[in-house]
Structure formats: structure tokens, C-alpha cells
Amino acid sequence: MQGGTQSGEEDVTAFLQAWSGGDQNALDRMIPLVYRELHRLAHRNLRRERPDHSLQTTALVNEAYLRLVDYNRMQWQDRAHFFAVSAQLMRRILVSHARRHNLKRGAGVLHVTLDEAAIGVAGAGRASDLVALDDALNALAQFDERKARVVEMRFFGGLGLEETAVVLKISAVTARRDLRTARAWLYRELTDGTDDGSRALETSR
């Protein structure tokens, strides 16, 4: 099984390299190898949404695929890089969908859970929480884009710390420290804390 997985990863990397090199058909040949993981990623993200969310898992995967087609000039690194970009696309799709439906952040304090495995936001209006998280991540990126990317990959992409570190070209220790600091900053932001977080980010570098 391990050998098959390794072979699959090598095939994906080969297709990504061919795609970067101008082979327009490489994406279509690669999708069957990654479709199940993309579907799982989409399902994971939609599971946080309200039960009557109009976007379905397959529709989210299809929309992400259509946007990926425009990435034909991306210098792809490997499988982890592909799923990091896919996570970023799904974040944009879900947040745009939420904003179009006028789902704004509700009044009062959001119930936020920030644990070691990932960052999760749970509340009465899940889509509005997603918009709030997106706003907070954008604000975090103004101070430290890398820390925002670490959270994005963990929360929206489900990437492990090792995979996240590889994509960002940092050590796993640094990725873990970034995630810990980002969780603290986002917790303050999402619970209407008054600290802008810049001092905490500076001291964590």
C-alpha cells in the first residue's frame, strides 16, 4: 500500500511538472488521481457550513477545477503544493458564496475553538463565522502572510504540519510555532479582543 501511495504521488508530481511545462492536457490526466482527495477536501469544508447550504460537494470540486484550469502557468512543486492551492481556491469560493448571500458576522462573541490539530470556528451561523474567519485571516496576512497561509492550509486544506512546512519551505518546528501564534491572534480577533496582535506576531518571529 505504501509503495502504491508513493507511486501515485510521483505520478501527480510528474503531471504537475508537465502542466507547468505547457502540457494543457496534464491536468485532465491528473484529476482522476486526485479527485477523491479533492472531494474529501470539499466535503470537509462544507461540513462546517449550515445544513441547507446551496453549494454541494461535487459542485465545489467542479468550481475549483474550473479555476485550476487558469493556473496553467503555475510552477507547481508537488502534490502538497497542489492541495495547498486547491484549499486556497475553495476558501475563496466558499467566502464569495457566503458574501453573495449577505451572510454577515453576527453580533456578540463568536464561539471559537482553537486546538492543536487545526483551527475551527463553530457558532450559530457557520457561514457568517466563515466570513469572519476570512476577514481575520486577511487582517493577519497584513502582519504576517506566512502565518495566515499556515492556518489556511490547516483549516481549509487539512494539510499536516509537515506538508505545510514543505509547501512554505520552512521547518515543521517553525510551522508549529506559526500555527500556535496565529491561533492566539485569531482568537483575540474573533472574540472582539482589543489587541491588534502585532506585538505577539513580532515576538514570535
Protein backbone atom coordinates (compact mmCIF):
# COMPACT_ATOMS: atom_id res chain seq x y z
CA MET A 1 0.00 0.00 0.00
CA GLN A 2 2.80 2.38 0.89
CA GLY A 3 4.53 1.69 -2.41
CA GLY A 4 1.28 2.36 -4.31
CA THR A 5 0.80 5.64 -2.48
CA GLN A 6 4.35 6.69 -3.23
CA SER A 7 3.87 5.81 -6.90
CA GLY A 8 0.64 7.82 -7.00
CA GLU A 9 2.38 10.85 -5.53
CA GLU A 10 5.16 10.55 -8.09
CA ASP A 11 2.58 10.38 -10.89
CA VAL A 12 0.84 13.50 -9.60
CA THR A 13 4.16 15.35 -9.38
CA ALA A 14 5.02 14.29 -12.93
CA PHE A 15 1.69 15.57 -14.24
CA LEU A 16 2.11 18.84 -12.35
CA GLN A 17 5.55 19.33 -13.86
CA ALA A 18 4.18 18.58 -17.33
CA TRP A 19 1.37 21.04 -16.74
CA SER A 20 3.86 23.71 -15.65
CA GLY A 21 5.82 22.96 -18.80
CA GLY A 22 2.86 23.79 -21.01
CA ASP A 23 1.10 20.43 -21.41
CA GLN A 24 -2.53 21.60 -21.34
CA ASN A 25 -3.83 18.02 -21.07
CA ALA A 26 -1.80 17.13 -17.99
CA LEU A 27 -4.47 18.47 -15.59
CA ASP A 28 -7.18 16.30 -17.15
CA ARG A 29 -4.95 13.25 -16.87
CA MET A 30 -4.07 14.06 -13.26
CA ILE A 31 -7.57 14.77 -11.92
CA PRO A 32 -8.61 11.08 -11.62
CA LEU A 33 -5.59 10.58 -9.32
CA VAL A 34 -6.53 13.44 -7.00
CA TYR A 35 -10.33 13.58 -7.36
CA ARG A 36 -11.07 11.55 -4.24
CA GLU A 37 -8.83 13.79 -2.13
CA LEU A 38 -10.36 16.94 -3.66
CA HIS A 39 -13.82 15.55 -2.91
CA ARG A 40 -12.79 14.84 0.69
CA LEU A 41 -11.37 18.35 0.99
CA ALA A 42 -14.58 19.90 -0.35
CA HIS A 43 -16.74 17.75 1.92
CA ARG A 44 -14.60 18.71 4.92
CA ASN A 45 -15.09 22.40 4.20
CA LEU A 46 -18.82 22.13 3.51
CA ARG A 47 -19.38 20.09 6.67
CA ARG A 48 -18.75 23.29 8.63
CA GLU A 49 -21.49 25.13 6.75
CA ARG A 50 -25.18 25.35 7.56
CA PRO A 51 -27.18 22.21 6.59
CA ASP A 52 -29.12 24.00 3.80
CA HIS A 53 -26.01 25.39 2.11
CA SER A 54 -26.75 25.61 -1.62
CA LEU A 55 -23.27 24.50 -2.66
CA GLN A 56 -22.81 20.75 -2.75
CA THR A 57 -19.53 18.85 -2.55
CA THR A 58 -19.36 17.92 -6.23
CA ALA A 59 -20.25 21.47 -7.28
CA LEU A 60 -17.46 22.86 -5.09
CA VAL A 61 -14.95 20.43 -6.60
CA ASN A 62 -16.11 21.31 -10.13
CA GLU A 63 -15.83 25.05 -9.50
CA ALA A 64 -12.36 24.59 -8.01
CA TYR A 65 -11.38 22.55 -11.08
CA LEU A 66 -12.58 25.31 -13.44
CA ARG A 67 -10.42 27.82 -11.57
CA LEU A 68 -7.45 25.46 -11.57
CA VAL A 69 -7.54 25.41 -15.36
CA ASP A 70 -6.43 29.06 -15.27
CA TYR A 71 -3.33 28.11 -13.26
CA ASN A 72 -1.53 26.62 -16.27
CA ARG A 73 1.49 28.88 -15.75
CA MET A 74 1.94 27.99 -12.10
CA GLN A 75 5.31 26.49 -11.24
CA TRP A 76 3.95 23.51 -9.34
CA GLN A 77 6.19 21.87 -6.76
CA ASP A 78 4.44 18.65 -5.82
CA ARG A 79 1.21 17.09 -4.60
CA ALA A 80 1.19 19.06 -1.32
CA HIS A 81 1.58 22.34 -3.23
CA PHE A 82 -1.37 21.38 -5.46
CA PHE A 83 -3.65 20.75 -2.49
CA ALA A 84 -2.49 23.94 -0.78
CA VAL A 85 -3.56 25.92 -3.85
CA SER A 86 -6.80 23.93 -4.04
CA ALA A 87 -7.52 24.81 -0.42
CA GLN A 88 -6.95 28.48 -1.20
CA LEU A 89 -9.36 28.28 -4.13
CA MET A 90 -12.04 26.57 -2.05
CA ARG A 91 -11.65 29.22 0.62
CA ARG A 92 -12.26 31.94 -1.97
CA ILE A 93 -15.26 30.11 -3.46
CA LEU A 94 -16.92 29.50 -0.07
CA VAL A 95 -16.31 33.01 1.21
CA SER A 96 -17.53 34.59 -2.03
CA HIS A 97 -20.63 32.42 -1.85
CA ALA A 98 -21.26 33.48 1.74
CA ARG A 99 -20.80 37.17 0.94
CA ARG A 100 -23.13 36.96 -2.06
CA HIS A 101 -25.85 35.64 0.21
CA ASN A 102 -25.40 38.57 2.57
CA LEU A 103 -24.27 36.38 5.42
CA LYS A 104 -22.53 38.84 7.67
CA ARG A 105 -20.86 38.43 11.01
CA GLY A 106 -23.48 38.30 13.75
CA ALA A 107 -23.49 40.45 16.83
CA GLY A 108 -21.84 39.32 20.02
CA VAL A 109 -18.93 36.98 20.64
CA LEU A 110 -18.26 34.05 18.35
CA HIS A 111 -17.63 30.66 19.92
CA VAL A 112 -14.15 29.76 18.80
CA THR A 113 -12.23 26.53 19.25
CA LEU A 114 -8.52 26.63 18.51
CA ASP A 115 -6.80 23.31 19.11
CA GLU A 116 -3.52 21.68 18.21
CA ALA A 117 -4.87 19.73 15.23
CA ALA A 118 -6.41 22.67 13.35
CA ILE A 119 -8.32 25.87 13.82
CA GLY A 120 -12.09 25.51 13.97
CA VAL A 121 -14.84 28.10 14.20
CA ALA A 122 -18.23 26.99 15.39
CA GLY A 123 -21.25 29.11 16.13
CA ALA A 124 -24.93 29.60 15.40
CA GLY A 125 -24.30 30.95 11.89
CA ARG A 126 -21.50 28.91 10.42
CA ALA A 127 -21.26 30.75 7.10
CA SER A 128 -21.14 34.09 8.89
CA ASP A 129 -18.34 32.65 11.04
CA LEU A 130 -16.54 31.69 7.84
CA VAL A 131 -16.73 35.28 6.60
CA ALA A 132 -15.44 36.47 9.98
CA LEU A 133 -12.56 33.99 9.82
CA ASP A 134 -11.72 35.09 6.29
CA ASP A 135 -11.68 38.74 7.39
CA ALA A 136 -9.48 37.83 10.34
CA LEU A 137 -7.08 35.85 8.12
CA ASN A 138 -6.83 38.79 5.72
CA ALA A 139 -6.06 41.07 8.67
CA LEU A 140 -3.45 38.58 9.93
CA ALA A 141 -1.84 38.47 6.50
CA GLN A 142 -1.22 42.21 6.74
CA PHE A 143 1.09 41.50 9.70
CA ASP A 144 2.45 38.12 8.65
CA GLU A 145 1.34 36.44 5.42
CA ARG A 146 3.13 33.20 6.21
CA LYS A 147 1.21 32.63 9.42
CA ALA A 148 -2.05 33.26 7.58
CA ARG A 149 -1.02 30.69 4.96
CA VAL A 150 -0.25 28.12 7.65
CA VAL A 151 -3.77 28.48 9.06
CA GLU A 152 -5.31 28.41 5.58
CA MET A 153 -3.56 25.16 4.72
CA ARG A 154 -4.51 23.54 8.02
CA PHE A 155 -8.11 24.75 8.21
CA PHE A 156 -9.21 24.78 4.59
CA GLY A 157 -6.78 22.23 3.19
CA GLY A 158 -6.36 19.76 6.02
CA LEU A 159 -2.62 19.60 5.31
CA GLY A 160 -0.40 18.27 8.06
CA LEU A 161 2.30 20.41 9.59
CA GLU A 162 4.99 18.54 7.66
CA GLU A 163 3.18 19.10 4.34
CA THR A 164 2.54 22.73 5.21
CA ALA A 165 6.21 23.22 6.04
CA VAL A 166 7.27 21.69 2.72
CA VAL A 167 4.98 23.99 0.71
CA LEU A 168 6.13 27.10 2.58
CA LYS A 169 9.77 25.99 2.62
CA ILE A 170 10.07 26.26 6.38
CA SER A 171 10.78 23.72 9.10
CA ALA A 172 7.99 21.80 10.82
CA VAL A 173 9.04 23.46 14.08
CA THR A 174 8.51 26.88 12.52
CA ALA A 175 5.16 25.82 11.07
CA ARG A 176 4.04 24.61 14.50
CA ARG A 177 5.15 27.87 16.12
CA ASP A 178 3.41 29.90 13.42
CA LEU A 179 0.18 27.97 13.94
CA ARG A 180 0.32 28.45 17.71
CA THR A 181 0.88 32.20 17.38
CA ALA A 182 -1.76 32.58 14.66
CA ARG A 183 -4.33 30.72 16.78
CA ALA A 184 -3.77 33.15 19.65
CA TRP A 185 -4.04 36.16 17.33
CA LEU A 186 -7.19 34.88 15.62
CA TYR A 187 -8.80 34.04 18.93
CA ARG A 188 -8.40 37.65 20.04
CA GLU A 189 -9.64 38.93 16.69
CA LEU A 190 -12.71 36.67 16.55
CA THR A 191 -13.68 37.34 20.15
CA ASP A 192 -13.52 41.10 19.67
CA GLY A 193 -10.24 41.47 21.52
CA THR A 194 -8.77 44.94 21.54
CA ASP A 195 -5.12 43.90 20.97
CA ASP A 196 -4.24 44.22 17.28
CA GLY A 197 -1.87 41.27 17.65
CA SER A 198 1.12 42.92 16.01
CA ARG A 199 3.26 42.66 19.17
CA ALA A 200 2.53 38.94 19.55
CA LEU A 201 3.45 38.33 15.93
CA GLU A 202 6.66 40.29 16.20
CA THR A 203 7.84 38.46 19.30
CA SER A 204 7.16 35.07 17.68
CA ARG A 205 9.46 35.55 14.68
